[in-house]
Amino acid sequence: MSVISDILEKYPFIILDGAFATELERQGFQINDELWSAIALYEKPELIKAVHRSYLEAGADIIESAGYQATVPGFMKKGFTERSEERRVGKEC
């Protein structure tokens, strides 16, 4: 059985996290960028973890990654390569 099936066996609904970007902004993180909230994936990954933790502590059963607007072309514009987690040295961002 899947995790979702297991939850639905016990409860009539599943609670998802929501308003991820709003919570990032509430924490003082600026998302005014082409990558929107996905910029936090490399600028402030610890904040991603903290926001997800807060949703779980509030009762969320499922959390989503900060993937909205996270695209390979978008990250390449920021200096990342297609296979890299690090930006190329000297790339203006």
Foldseek 3Di string as FASTA:
>chain_A
DDPVVVVVVPDVDAAEDDPLLVVCVVVVDDQPALQRQCVCVPVPVVVQVVSVVVRVVVPHPDYDHSRVSDDQVRVVLVQAHSPDPDGDPPRDD
